[in-house]
Amino acid sequence: MLSLVEIAKDTLVNKQLLGVLFFDFADAFGTVNKKKLLLKLCRDFGVSGKLMFYVADFLSGRYARVRVNDLIGAWILSEHGTSAGTILGAILFIAYVHDTPSNVHPKFADDLVSYVTGKDIASVESRLQTSIDDLTS
């Protein structure tokens, strides 16, 4: 947020417009494809050997249940996700989304931001739409 505030200040000083998109994925940690995550860890970060086995073990055999007020659901096998309540789960999620488009800037777990500056609304709007299109693809 602090970097975004500084960008906003610079934009105002330079008498430009600033457009910002905030992306917050619903149940982001729970939607991670574990096989794709392991592939990315191996291919993009060079994770292998015992560490790869540890991560694969961490991701497997996970169970989850839902609690609403006093009602607690049954335990079910979690086939997707990185365990949001753990430190390693958050790190693994960040690794999973590390290859988001370069026009989507600050990343903290499942919170992504895209911002653009410009002299006119049409160019700002167009470049923000490009950010949405890039992230979607």
N, C-alpha and C. Protein backbone atom coordinates (compact mmCIF):
# COMPACT_ATOMS: atom_id res chain seq x y z
N MET A 1 0.82 -1.20 0.00
CA MET A 1 0.00 0.00 0.00
C MET A 1 0.86 1.26 0.00
N LEU A 2 1.96 1.21 0.75
CA LEU A 2 2.81 2.40 0.80
C LEU A 2 3.38 2.76 -0.56
N SER A 3 3.77 1.76 -1.34
CA SER A 3 4.29 2.06 -2.68
C SER A 3 3.20 2.66 -3.55
N LEU A 4 1.99 2.20 -3.39
CA LEU A 4 0.87 2.74 -4.16
C LEU A 4 0.57 4.19 -3.76
N VAL A 5 0.68 4.51 -2.48
CA VAL A 5 0.48 5.89 -2.01
C VAL A 5 1.52 6.81 -2.63
N GLU A 6 2.77 6.35 -2.68
CA GLU A 6 3.84 7.15 -3.29
C GLU A 6 3.58 7.38 -4.77
N ILE A 7 3.10 6.37 -5.45
CA ILE A 7 2.76 6.50 -6.87
C ILE A 7 1.64 7.51 -7.05
N ALA A 8 0.64 7.47 -6.17
CA ALA A 8 -0.47 8.43 -6.23
C ALA A 8 0.02 9.86 -6.02
N LYS A 9 0.94 10.04 -5.06
CA LYS A 9 1.50 11.38 -4.82
C LYS A 9 2.23 11.89 -6.05
N ASP A 10 3.09 11.05 -6.63
CA ASP A 10 3.84 11.45 -7.82
C ASP A 10 2.90 11.79 -8.97
N THR A 11 1.84 11.04 -9.11
CA THR A 11 0.87 11.27 -10.17
C THR A 11 0.20 12.63 -10.00
N LEU A 12 -0.17 12.95 -8.76
CA LEU A 12 -0.79 14.25 -8.49
C LEU A 12 0.17 15.40 -8.77
N VAL A 13 1.43 15.24 -8.33
CA VAL A 13 2.44 16.28 -8.55
C VAL A 13 2.64 16.51 -10.05
N ASN A 14 2.63 15.44 -10.83
CA ASN A 14 2.84 15.55 -12.28
C ASN A 14 1.55 15.86 -13.04
N LYS A 15 0.47 16.13 -12.31
CA LYS A 15 -0.82 16.50 -12.90
C LYS A 15 -1.31 15.48 -13.91
N GLN A 16 -1.20 14.20 -13.51
CA GLN A 16 -1.69 13.11 -14.34
C GLN A 16 -2.85 12.42 -13.64
N LEU A 17 -3.47 11.50 -14.37
CA LEU A 17 -4.55 10.70 -13.82
C LEU A 17 -3.99 9.35 -13.39
N LEU A 18 -4.59 8.77 -12.38
CA LEU A 18 -4.18 7.45 -11.89
C LEU A 18 -5.40 6.54 -11.86
N GLY A 19 -5.26 5.38 -12.49
CA GLY A 19 -6.30 4.37 -12.44
C GLY A 19 -5.75 3.15 -11.73
N VAL A 20 -6.55 2.58 -10.83
CA VAL A 20 -6.08 1.46 -10.02
C VAL A 20 -7.14 0.36 -10.02
N LEU A 21 -6.67 -0.88 -10.19
CA LEU A 21 -7.53 -2.06 -10.07
C LEU A 21 -7.00 -2.91 -8.92
N PHE A 22 -7.88 -3.32 -8.05
CA PHE A 22 -7.52 -4.23 -6.97
C PHE A 22 -8.15 -5.58 -7.26
N PHE A 23 -7.35 -6.62 -7.22
CA PHE A 23 -7.83 -7.98 -7.45
C PHE A 23 -7.71 -8.75 -6.14
N ASP A 24 -8.79 -9.34 -5.71
CA ASP A 24 -8.77 -10.19 -4.52
C ASP A 24 -9.56 -11.44 -4.89
N PHE A 25 -8.86 -12.55 -5.04
CA PHE A 25 -9.49 -13.77 -5.50
C PHE A 25 -10.24 -14.46 -4.37
N ALA A 26 -11.50 -14.81 -4.62
CA ALA A 26 -12.31 -15.52 -3.64
C ALA A 26 -11.74 -16.93 -3.46
N ASP A 27 -11.51 -17.32 -2.24
CA ASP A 27 -10.98 -18.64 -1.90
C ASP A 27 -9.74 -18.98 -2.73
N ALA A 28 -8.85 -17.98 -2.87
CA ALA A 28 -7.67 -18.16 -3.72
C ALA A 28 -6.81 -19.33 -3.28
N PHE A 29 -6.56 -19.44 -1.99
CA PHE A 29 -5.71 -20.52 -1.50
C PHE A 29 -6.34 -21.88 -1.79
N GLY A 30 -7.65 -21.94 -1.73
CA GLY A 30 -8.35 -23.21 -1.92
C GLY A 30 -8.48 -23.65 -3.36
N THR A 31 -8.15 -22.77 -4.30
CA THR A 31 -8.33 -23.10 -5.71
C THR A 31 -7.04 -23.50 -6.42
N VAL A 32 -5.94 -23.49 -5.71
CA VAL A 32 -4.64 -23.82 -6.33
C VAL A 32 -4.64 -25.27 -6.80
N ASN A 33 -4.25 -25.46 -8.05
CA ASN A 33 -4.09 -26.80 -8.60
C ASN A 33 -2.73 -27.32 -8.11
N LYS A 34 -2.75 -28.35 -7.29
CA LYS A 34 -1.52 -28.84 -6.65
C LYS A 34 -0.51 -29.36 -7.66
N LYS A 35 -0.97 -30.03 -8.71
CA LYS A 35 -0.04 -30.55 -9.72
C LYS A 35 0.65 -29.41 -10.46
N LYS A 36 -0.11 -28.37 -10.81
CA LYS A 36 0.50 -27.22 -11.48
C LYS A 36 1.48 -26.51 -10.56
N LEU A 37 1.13 -26.42 -9.28
CA LEU A 37 2.03 -25.78 -8.31
C LEU A 37 3.35 -26.54 -8.23
N LEU A 38 3.29 -27.85 -8.12
CA LEU A 38 4.52 -28.65 -8.05
C LEU A 38 5.34 -28.50 -9.32
N LEU A 39 4.67 -28.45 -10.47
CA LEU A 39 5.38 -28.26 -11.73
C LEU A 39 6.08 -26.91 -11.76
N LYS A 40 5.39 -25.85 -11.32
CA LYS A 40 5.99 -24.52 -11.30
C LYS A 40 7.18 -24.47 -10.33
N LEU A 41 7.05 -25.12 -9.18
CA LEU A 41 8.15 -25.13 -8.22
C LEU A 41 9.39 -25.77 -8.83
N CYS A 42 9.19 -26.86 -9.54
CA CYS A 42 10.29 -27.57 -10.18
C CYS A 42 10.85 -26.78 -11.35
N ARG A 43 9.99 -26.36 -12.26
CA ARG A 43 10.40 -25.70 -13.50
C ARG A 43 10.93 -24.28 -13.27
N ASP A 44 10.20 -23.48 -12.47
CA ASP A 44 10.52 -22.06 -12.35
C ASP A 44 11.46 -21.74 -11.19
N PHE A 45 11.49 -22.60 -10.17
CA PHE A 45 12.30 -22.31 -8.99
C PHE A 45 13.38 -23.35 -8.73
N GLY A 46 13.42 -24.41 -9.53
CA GLY A 46 14.44 -25.43 -9.37
C GLY A 46 14.30 -26.28 -8.13
N VAL A 47 13.11 -26.35 -7.57
CA VAL A 47 12.88 -27.17 -6.38
C VAL A 47 12.92 -28.64 -6.80
N SER A 48 13.68 -29.44 -6.08
CA SER A 48 13.77 -30.86 -6.39
C SER A 48 14.20 -31.63 -5.15
N GLY A 49 14.38 -32.92 -5.31
CA GLY A 49 14.89 -33.76 -4.23
C GLY A 49 14.00 -33.79 -3.01
N LYS A 50 14.64 -33.78 -1.83
CA LYS A 50 13.91 -33.89 -0.56
C LYS A 50 12.94 -32.74 -0.34
N LEU A 51 13.34 -31.55 -0.77
CA LEU A 51 12.42 -30.41 -0.60
C LEU A 51 11.15 -30.61 -1.41
N MET A 52 11.28 -31.11 -2.64
CA MET A 52 10.09 -31.37 -3.46
C MET A 52 9.21 -32.43 -2.80
N PHE A 53 9.83 -33.47 -2.27
CA PHE A 53 9.05 -34.50 -1.59
C PHE A 53 8.34 -33.93 -0.35
N TYR A 54 9.02 -33.04 0.38
CA TYR A 54 8.42 -32.43 1.55
C TYR A 54 7.19 -31.60 1.16
N VAL A 55 7.34 -30.78 0.12
CA VAL A 55 6.22 -29.93 -0.33
C VAL A 55 5.07 -30.79 -0.82
N ALA A 56 5.38 -31.81 -1.61
CA ALA A 56 4.32 -32.71 -2.11
C ALA A 56 3.61 -33.38 -0.95
N ASP A 57 4.35 -33.80 0.07
CA ASP A 57 3.74 -34.41 1.25
C ASP A 57 2.88 -33.41 2.00
N PHE A 58 3.35 -32.17 2.12
CA PHE A 58 2.60 -31.11 2.78
C PHE A 58 1.26 -30.88 2.10
N LEU A 59 1.25 -30.96 0.76
CA LEU A 59 0.04 -30.69 0.00
C LEU A 59 -0.92 -31.88 -0.06
N SER A 60 -0.44 -33.07 0.25
CA SER A 60 -1.29 -34.25 0.11
C SER A 60 -1.94 -34.63 1.44
N GLY A 61 -3.03 -35.36 1.33
CA GLY A 61 -3.71 -35.87 2.51
C GLY A 61 -4.31 -34.81 3.41
N ARG A 62 -4.64 -33.66 2.86
CA ARG A 62 -5.24 -32.57 3.64
C ARG A 62 -6.75 -32.72 3.68
N TYR A 63 -7.31 -32.46 4.84
CA TYR A 63 -8.76 -32.50 5.02
C TYR A 63 -9.24 -31.13 5.48
N ALA A 64 -10.48 -30.84 5.17
CA ALA A 64 -11.07 -29.56 5.54
C ALA A 64 -12.52 -29.77 5.92
N ARG A 65 -13.03 -28.83 6.71
CA ARG A 65 -14.46 -28.83 7.02
C ARG A 65 -14.90 -27.39 7.22
N VAL A 66 -16.19 -27.19 7.11
CA VAL A 66 -16.75 -25.86 7.21
C VAL A 66 -17.47 -25.71 8.54
N ARG A 67 -17.27 -24.54 9.15
CA ARG A 67 -17.97 -24.23 10.39
C ARG A 67 -18.73 -22.92 10.20
N VAL A 68 -20.03 -22.96 10.51
CA VAL A 68 -20.87 -21.77 10.46
C VAL A 68 -21.58 -21.70 11.81
N ASN A 69 -21.21 -20.68 12.59
CA ASN A 69 -21.71 -20.53 13.95
C ASN A 69 -21.45 -21.82 14.74
N ASP A 70 -22.49 -22.49 15.19
CA ASP A 70 -22.31 -23.72 15.96
C ASP A 70 -22.38 -24.98 15.12
N LEU A 71 -22.63 -24.83 13.82
CA LEU A 71 -22.72 -25.98 12.94
C LEU A 71 -21.36 -26.30 12.33
N ILE A 72 -20.95 -27.56 12.43
CA ILE A 72 -19.67 -27.99 11.90
C ILE A 72 -19.91 -29.12 10.92
N GLY A 73 -19.40 -28.95 9.69
CA GLY A 73 -19.58 -29.96 8.65
C GLY A 73 -18.64 -31.14 8.82
N ALA A 74 -18.83 -32.12 7.98
CA ALA A 74 -17.99 -33.32 8.01
C ALA A 74 -16.63 -33.02 7.37
N TRP A 75 -15.61 -33.76 7.76
CA TRP A 75 -14.29 -33.65 7.16
C TRP A 75 -14.34 -34.21 5.73
N ILE A 76 -13.77 -33.46 4.78
CA ILE A 76 -13.68 -33.93 3.40
C ILE A 76 -12.24 -33.78 2.92
N LEU A 77 -11.84 -34.67 2.01
CA LEU A 77 -10.49 -34.61 1.45
C LEU A 77 -10.36 -33.37 0.57
N SER A 78 -9.33 -32.60 0.81
CA SER A 78 -9.09 -31.37 0.05
C SER A 78 -8.20 -31.69 -1.15
N GLU A 79 -8.77 -31.68 -2.34
CA GLU A 79 -8.03 -32.02 -3.55
C GLU A 79 -7.30 -30.82 -4.16
N HIS A 80 -7.66 -29.62 -3.75
CA HIS A 80 -7.03 -28.40 -4.24
C HIS A 80 -6.62 -27.55 -3.06
N GLY A 81 -5.70 -26.65 -3.27
CA GLY A 81 -5.39 -25.66 -2.26
C GLY A 81 -4.04 -25.83 -1.59
N THR A 82 -3.66 -24.77 -0.84
CA THR A 82 -2.36 -24.72 -0.19
C THR A 82 -2.44 -24.51 1.31
N SER A 83 -3.56 -24.72 1.92
CA SER A 83 -3.73 -24.54 3.37
C SER A 83 -3.47 -23.09 3.78
N ALA A 84 -4.47 -22.26 3.63
CA ALA A 84 -4.35 -20.82 3.84
C ALA A 84 -3.90 -20.45 5.24
N GLY A 85 -4.18 -21.25 6.23
CA GLY A 85 -3.84 -20.91 7.60
C GLY A 85 -2.41 -21.20 7.99
N THR A 86 -1.57 -21.55 7.04
CA THR A 86 -0.18 -21.89 7.34
C THR A 86 0.77 -20.93 6.64
N ILE A 87 1.95 -20.76 7.20
CA ILE A 87 2.96 -19.90 6.58
C ILE A 87 3.39 -20.48 5.23
N LEU A 88 3.64 -21.78 5.21
CA LEU A 88 4.07 -22.42 3.96
C LEU A 88 2.97 -22.32 2.90
N GLY A 89 1.71 -22.40 3.30
CA GLY A 89 0.61 -22.27 2.35
C GLY A 89 0.62 -20.93 1.64
N ALA A 90 0.88 -19.86 2.39
CA ALA A 90 0.94 -18.52 1.78
C ALA A 90 2.13 -18.40 0.85
N ILE A 91 3.28 -18.93 1.25
CA ILE A 91 4.47 -18.88 0.39
C ILE A 91 4.23 -19.67 -0.89
N LEU A 92 3.60 -20.83 -0.77
CA LEU A 92 3.32 -21.64 -1.95
C LEU A 92 2.34 -20.94 -2.88
N PHE A 93 1.37 -20.22 -2.32
CA PHE A 93 0.43 -19.49 -3.17
C PHE A 93 1.14 -18.39 -3.94
N ILE A 94 2.05 -17.67 -3.27
CA ILE A 94 2.81 -16.62 -3.94
C ILE A 94 3.64 -17.22 -5.08
N ALA A 95 4.23 -18.40 -4.83
CA ALA A 95 4.98 -19.07 -5.89
C ALA A 95 4.05 -19.45 -7.04
N TYR A 96 2.83 -19.83 -6.72
CA TYR A 96 1.86 -20.24 -7.74
C TYR A 96 1.49 -19.08 -8.66
N VAL A 97 1.41 -17.87 -8.11
CA VAL A 97 0.99 -16.71 -8.92
C VAL A 97 2.17 -15.83 -9.33
N HIS A 98 3.40 -16.31 -9.16
CA HIS A 98 4.57 -15.49 -9.46
C HIS A 98 4.63 -15.06 -10.93
N ASP A 99 3.98 -15.79 -11.79
CA ASP A 99 4.07 -15.49 -13.22
C ASP A 99 2.88 -14.68 -13.73
N THR A 100 2.26 -13.92 -12.85
CA THR A 100 1.19 -13.03 -13.31
C THR A 100 1.80 -11.98 -14.23
N PRO A 101 1.00 -11.37 -15.08
CA PRO A 101 1.53 -10.39 -16.04
C PRO A 101 2.29 -9.26 -15.36
N SER A 102 3.25 -8.71 -16.06
CA SER A 102 4.10 -7.66 -15.47
C SER A 102 3.34 -6.37 -15.18
N ASN A 103 2.18 -6.18 -15.80
CA ASN A 103 1.40 -4.97 -15.52
C ASN A 103 0.51 -5.13 -14.29
N VAL A 104 0.59 -6.26 -13.62
CA VAL A 104 -0.08 -6.46 -12.34
C VAL A 104 1.03 -6.43 -11.30
N HIS A 105 1.07 -5.39 -10.50
CA HIS A 105 2.24 -5.06 -9.71
C HIS A 105 2.28 -5.68 -8.32
N PRO A 106 2.13 -4.88 -7.28
CA PRO A 106 2.40 -5.43 -5.94
C PRO A 106 1.57 -6.68 -5.68
N LYS A 107 2.22 -7.69 -5.18
CA LYS A 107 1.55 -8.96 -4.91
C LYS A 107 1.78 -9.32 -3.45
N PHE A 108 0.73 -9.58 -2.75
CA PHE A 108 0.85 -10.12 -1.41
C PHE A 108 -0.20 -11.21 -1.29
N ALA A 109 0.28 -12.42 -1.30
CA ALA A 109 -0.60 -13.59 -1.27
C ALA A 109 -1.64 -13.45 -2.37
N ASP A 110 -2.92 -13.33 -2.02
CA ASP A 110 -3.96 -13.32 -3.06
C ASP A 110 -4.42 -11.90 -3.42
N ASP A 111 -3.69 -10.89 -3.01
CA ASP A 111 -4.04 -9.51 -3.32
C ASP A 111 -3.11 -8.98 -4.40
N LEU A 112 -3.69 -8.62 -5.54
CA LEU A 112 -2.92 -8.11 -6.66
C LEU A 112 -3.44 -6.73 -7.03
N VAL A 113 -2.55 -5.90 -7.56
CA VAL A 113 -2.92 -4.54 -7.92
C VAL A 113 -2.35 -4.22 -9.30
N SER A 114 -3.13 -3.51 -10.09
CA SER A 114 -2.64 -2.98 -11.35
C SER A 114 -2.96 -1.49 -11.35
N TYR A 115 -1.98 -0.69 -11.70
CA TYR A 115 -2.21 0.74 -11.77
C TYR A 115 -1.60 1.30 -13.04
N VAL A 116 -2.19 2.35 -13.55
CA VAL A 116 -1.65 3.04 -14.72
C VAL A 116 -1.84 4.53 -14.52
N THR A 117 -0.94 5.29 -15.11
CA THR A 117 -1.06 6.74 -15.10
C THR A 117 -1.16 7.22 -16.54
N GLY A 118 -1.74 8.37 -16.72
CA GLY A 118 -1.88 8.92 -18.06
C GLY A 118 -2.43 10.32 -18.03
N LYS A 119 -2.43 10.93 -19.19
CA LYS A 119 -2.91 12.31 -19.32
C LYS A 119 -4.42 12.39 -19.54
N ASP A 120 -5.01 11.30 -20.07
CA ASP A 120 -6.45 11.35 -20.35
C ASP A 120 -7.13 10.05 -19.89
N ILE A 121 -8.42 10.16 -19.64
CA ILE A 121 -9.19 9.04 -19.11
C ILE A 121 -9.22 7.87 -20.08
N ALA A 122 -9.32 8.15 -21.37
CA ALA A 122 -9.42 7.07 -22.36
C ALA A 122 -8.18 6.17 -22.34
N SER A 123 -6.99 6.76 -22.25
CA SER A 123 -5.77 5.94 -22.25
C SER A 123 -5.65 5.15 -20.94
N VAL A 124 -6.01 5.77 -19.83
CA VAL A 124 -5.97 5.07 -18.54
C VAL A 124 -6.95 3.90 -18.56
N GLU A 125 -8.14 4.15 -19.03
CA GLU A 125 -9.16 3.11 -19.12
C GLU A 125 -8.72 1.96 -20.02
N SER A 126 -8.14 2.29 -21.16
CA SER A 126 -7.69 1.27 -22.11
C SER A 126 -6.59 0.40 -21.50
N ARG A 127 -5.64 1.02 -20.83
CA ARG A 127 -4.53 0.26 -20.24
C ARG A 127 -4.99 -0.57 -19.05
N LEU A 128 -5.97 -0.09 -18.30
CA LEU A 128 -6.53 -0.90 -17.21
C LEU A 128 -7.25 -2.12 -17.78
N GLN A 129 -7.96 -1.93 -18.89
CA GLN A 129 -8.63 -3.07 -19.53
C GLN A 129 -7.61 -4.08 -20.01
N THR A 130 -6.47 -3.62 -20.50
CA THR A 130 -5.40 -4.53 -20.91
C THR A 130 -4.91 -5.35 -19.72
N SER A 131 -4.80 -4.72 -18.57
CA SER A 131 -4.39 -5.45 -17.36
C SER A 131 -5.39 -6.56 -17.03
N ILE A 132 -6.67 -6.25 -17.13
CA ILE A 132 -7.70 -7.25 -16.86
C ILE A 132 -7.59 -8.38 -17.87
N ASP A 133 -7.44 -8.04 -19.14
CA ASP A 133 -7.35 -9.06 -20.20
C ASP A 133 -6.11 -9.94 -20.00
N ASP A 134 -4.98 -9.31 -19.67
CA ASP A 134 -3.74 -10.08 -19.46
C ASP A 134 -3.87 -11.03 -18.28
N LEU A 135 -4.46 -10.54 -17.20
CA LEU A 135 -4.60 -11.40 -16.01
C LEU A 135 -5.59 -12.53 -16.28
N THR A 136 -6.64 -12.24 -17.03
CA THR A 136 -7.63 -13.26 -17.36
C THR A 136 -7.01 -14.38 -18.19
N SER A 137 -6.19 -13.99 -19.17
CA SER A 137 -5.58 -15.02 -20.02
C SER A 137 -4.49 -15.75 -19.28
